[in-house]
Amino acid sequence: MDHEIDAIGLLCPLPVLRLRKRMMPLASGTRIRLLADDPAAIIDVPHFCNESGHMFHGMSEQDGHMIFIVEKR
């Protein structure tokens, strides 16, 4: 994985805001792994990807938090 953002303990919209800020300078095709535990992230992260044109590669759960994989387009 190219980059990782630890947003555990942050409430939405902060995980999405951190994701957006981290993605801005990155090249197209770069993948980011976002760790979050706010249940709203299940809705907010895919919505952000859809609205901004980035590729959402899915979500998994591990150790009580969610792991989102997003690719910059």
N, C-alpha and C. Protein backbone atom coordinates (compact mmCIF):
# COMPACT_ATOMS: atom_id res chain seq x y z
N MET A 1 0.85 -1.18 0.00
CA MET A 1 0.00 0.00 0.00
C MET A 1 0.89 1.24 0.00
N ASP A 2 0.53 2.21 -0.80
CA ASP A 2 1.35 3.41 -0.95
C ASP A 2 1.31 4.31 0.28
N HIS A 3 0.13 4.53 0.83
CA HIS A 3 -0.04 5.45 1.96
C HIS A 3 -1.08 4.90 2.92
N GLU A 4 -1.00 5.33 4.19
CA GLU A 4 -1.99 4.93 5.18
C GLU A 4 -2.36 6.13 6.03
N ILE A 5 -3.66 6.24 6.33
CA ILE A 5 -4.18 7.29 7.20
C ILE A 5 -4.84 6.62 8.38
N ASP A 6 -4.42 6.97 9.58
CA ASP A 6 -5.03 6.43 10.79
C ASP A 6 -6.04 7.46 11.29
N ALA A 7 -7.32 7.19 11.05
CA ALA A 7 -8.39 8.09 11.49
C ALA A 7 -9.21 7.44 12.61
N ILE A 8 -8.62 6.46 13.29
CA ILE A 8 -9.31 5.80 14.40
C ILE A 8 -9.51 6.81 15.52
N GLY A 9 -10.74 6.86 16.02
CA GLY A 9 -11.09 7.80 17.08
C GLY A 9 -11.65 9.12 16.57
N LEU A 10 -11.58 9.34 15.26
CA LEU A 10 -12.11 10.58 14.68
C LEU A 10 -13.52 10.35 14.17
N LEU A 11 -14.38 11.33 14.38
CA LEU A 11 -15.75 11.25 13.89
C LEU A 11 -15.85 11.91 12.53
N CYS A 12 -16.75 11.39 11.70
CA CYS A 12 -16.98 11.97 10.39
C CYS A 12 -17.52 13.39 10.55
N PRO A 13 -17.06 14.29 9.71
CA PRO A 13 -16.40 14.06 8.42
C PRO A 13 -14.87 14.04 8.48
N LEU A 14 -14.25 14.03 9.66
CA LEU A 14 -12.79 14.13 9.73
C LEU A 14 -12.04 13.04 8.96
N PRO A 15 -12.44 11.76 9.02
CA PRO A 15 -11.71 10.77 8.21
C PRO A 15 -11.71 11.10 6.72
N VAL A 16 -12.85 11.53 6.20
CA VAL A 16 -12.94 11.87 4.78
C VAL A 16 -12.12 13.13 4.48
N LEU A 17 -12.14 14.09 5.37
CA LEU A 17 -11.36 15.31 5.16
C LEU A 17 -9.87 15.01 5.13
N ARG A 18 -9.42 14.14 6.02
CA ARG A 18 -8.01 13.74 6.01
C ARG A 18 -7.65 12.98 4.73
N LEU A 19 -8.56 12.12 4.29
CA LEU A 19 -8.35 11.38 3.05
C LEU A 19 -8.22 12.35 1.87
N ARG A 20 -9.14 13.28 1.78
CA ARG A 20 -9.10 14.26 0.68
C ARG A 20 -7.81 15.07 0.70
N LYS A 21 -7.40 15.54 1.87
CA LYS A 21 -6.19 16.34 1.98
C LYS A 21 -4.95 15.54 1.58
N ARG A 22 -4.88 14.28 2.01
CA ARG A 22 -3.73 13.45 1.69
C ARG A 22 -3.67 13.14 0.20
N MET A 23 -4.84 13.00 -0.44
CA MET A 23 -4.88 12.62 -1.86
C MET A 23 -4.50 13.76 -2.79
N MET A 24 -4.71 14.99 -2.36
CA MET A 24 -4.52 16.14 -3.26
C MET A 24 -3.18 16.13 -4.00
N PRO A 25 -2.04 15.99 -3.32
CA PRO A 25 -0.77 16.08 -4.05
C PRO A 25 -0.32 14.78 -4.71
N LEU A 26 -1.06 13.69 -4.52
CA LEU A 26 -0.62 12.39 -5.00
C LEU A 26 -0.91 12.19 -6.48
N ALA A 27 -0.13 11.34 -7.10
CA ALA A 27 -0.31 11.01 -8.51
C ALA A 27 -1.50 10.08 -8.69
N SER A 28 -2.10 10.15 -9.85
CA SER A 28 -3.19 9.25 -10.20
C SER A 28 -2.70 7.81 -10.12
N GLY A 29 -3.53 6.93 -9.58
CA GLY A 29 -3.17 5.53 -9.43
C GLY A 29 -2.61 5.18 -8.06
N THR A 30 -2.34 6.19 -7.25
CA THR A 30 -1.83 5.95 -5.89
C THR A 30 -2.95 5.41 -5.02
N ARG A 31 -2.64 4.40 -4.23
CA ARG A 31 -3.63 3.81 -3.32
C ARG A 31 -3.37 4.24 -1.89
N ILE A 32 -4.48 4.47 -1.18
CA ILE A 32 -4.42 4.86 0.23
C ILE A 32 -5.26 3.89 1.04
N ARG A 33 -4.73 3.51 2.17
CA ARG A 33 -5.44 2.67 3.13
C ARG A 33 -5.88 3.59 4.27
N LEU A 34 -7.19 3.67 4.49
CA LEU A 34 -7.76 4.53 5.53
C LEU A 34 -8.30 3.64 6.65
N LEU A 35 -7.82 3.86 7.87
CA LEU A 35 -8.30 3.15 9.04
C LEU A 35 -9.27 4.07 9.78
N ALA A 36 -10.47 3.57 10.07
CA ALA A 36 -11.48 4.38 10.75
C ALA A 36 -12.36 3.48 11.60
N ASP A 37 -12.94 4.06 12.65
CA ASP A 37 -13.86 3.29 13.48
C ASP A 37 -15.21 3.97 13.66
N ASP A 38 -15.43 5.10 13.01
CA ASP A 38 -16.73 5.77 13.07
C ASP A 38 -17.68 5.06 12.09
N PRO A 39 -18.82 4.55 12.58
CA PRO A 39 -19.75 3.84 11.70
C PRO A 39 -20.20 4.66 10.48
N ALA A 40 -20.21 5.97 10.59
CA ALA A 40 -20.63 6.81 9.46
C ALA A 40 -19.65 6.72 8.29
N ALA A 41 -18.43 6.30 8.54
CA ALA A 41 -17.43 6.18 7.46
C ALA A 41 -17.86 5.17 6.41
N ILE A 42 -18.67 4.18 6.80
CA ILE A 42 -19.15 3.18 5.85
C ILE A 42 -19.94 3.84 4.72
N ILE A 43 -20.62 4.92 5.04
CA ILE A 43 -21.38 5.67 4.04
C ILE A 43 -20.53 6.78 3.43
N ASP A 44 -19.81 7.50 4.27
CA ASP A 44 -19.10 8.70 3.83
C ASP A 44 -17.94 8.43 2.88
N VAL A 45 -17.16 7.40 3.12
CA VAL A 45 -15.98 7.15 2.26
C VAL A 45 -16.39 6.75 0.84
N PRO A 46 -17.29 5.77 0.66
CA PRO A 46 -17.71 5.47 -0.72
C PRO A 46 -18.39 6.65 -1.41
N HIS A 47 -19.16 7.43 -0.64
CA HIS A 47 -19.83 8.61 -1.21
C HIS A 47 -18.78 9.62 -1.69
N PHE A 48 -17.77 9.87 -0.88
CA PHE A 48 -16.69 10.78 -1.26
C PHE A 48 -16.03 10.31 -2.56
N CYS A 49 -15.74 9.01 -2.64
CA CYS A 49 -15.10 8.47 -3.85
C CYS A 49 -15.98 8.65 -5.08
N ASN A 50 -17.26 8.37 -4.92
CA ASN A 50 -18.20 8.51 -6.03
C ASN A 50 -18.30 9.96 -6.49
N GLU A 51 -18.38 10.88 -5.56
CA GLU A 51 -18.53 12.30 -5.89
C GLU A 51 -17.25 12.90 -6.48
N SER A 52 -16.10 12.42 -6.04
CA SER A 52 -14.84 13.02 -6.48
C SER A 52 -14.16 12.25 -7.61
N GLY A 53 -14.72 11.10 -8.00
CA GLY A 53 -14.18 10.35 -9.12
C GLY A 53 -13.06 9.38 -8.78
N HIS A 54 -12.78 9.18 -7.49
CA HIS A 54 -11.75 8.24 -7.09
C HIS A 54 -12.33 6.82 -7.06
N MET A 55 -11.46 5.82 -7.11
CA MET A 55 -11.89 4.42 -7.13
C MET A 55 -11.92 3.88 -5.70
N PHE A 56 -13.10 3.39 -5.30
CA PHE A 56 -13.26 2.75 -4.00
C PHE A 56 -13.07 1.25 -4.20
N HIS A 57 -12.03 0.68 -3.58
CA HIS A 57 -11.70 -0.73 -3.76
C HIS A 57 -12.28 -1.63 -2.68
N GLY A 58 -13.03 -1.06 -1.76
CA GLY A 58 -13.70 -1.89 -0.77
C GLY A 58 -13.30 -1.60 0.66
N MET A 59 -13.97 -2.33 1.56
CA MET A 59 -13.78 -2.15 2.98
C MET A 59 -13.71 -3.52 3.64
N SER A 60 -12.87 -3.63 4.65
CA SER A 60 -12.81 -4.83 5.47
C SER A 60 -12.75 -4.40 6.93
N GLU A 61 -12.95 -5.34 7.82
CA GLU A 61 -12.89 -5.03 9.25
C GLU A 61 -11.78 -5.84 9.89
N GLN A 62 -11.08 -5.20 10.84
CA GLN A 62 -9.99 -5.86 11.54
C GLN A 62 -9.78 -5.17 12.88
N ASP A 63 -9.67 -5.93 13.93
CA ASP A 63 -9.36 -5.41 15.27
C ASP A 63 -10.29 -4.28 15.70
N GLY A 64 -11.57 -4.37 15.36
CA GLY A 64 -12.54 -3.38 15.80
C GLY A 64 -12.60 -2.10 14.99
N HIS A 65 -11.90 -2.05 13.87
CA HIS A 65 -11.98 -0.87 13.01
C HIS A 65 -12.14 -1.32 11.55
N MET A 66 -12.46 -0.35 10.72
CA MET A 66 -12.65 -0.60 9.29
C MET A 66 -11.41 -0.16 8.52
N ILE A 67 -11.15 -0.87 7.43
CA ILE A 67 -10.04 -0.54 6.55
C ILE A 67 -10.61 -0.30 5.16
N PHE A 68 -10.45 0.92 4.68
CA PHE A 68 -10.94 1.31 3.35
C PHE A 68 -9.74 1.43 2.42
N ILE A 69 -9.90 0.95 1.20
CA ILE A 69 -8.86 1.09 0.18
C ILE A 69 -9.40 1.99 -0.93
N VAL A 70 -8.68 3.09 -1.17
CA VAL A 70 -9.10 4.09 -2.15
C VAL A 70 -7.93 4.37 -3.10
N GLU A 71 -8.25 4.49 -4.38
CA GLU A 71 -7.24 4.80 -5.39
C GLU A 71 -7.55 6.15 -6.00
N LYS A 72 -6.53 7.00 -6.04
CA LYS A 72 -6.72 8.33 -6.64
C LYS A 72 -6.84 8.20 -8.14
N ARG A 73 -7.78 8.93 -8.71
CA ARG A 73 -7.98 8.97 -10.16
C ARG A 73 -7.61 10.33 -10.68
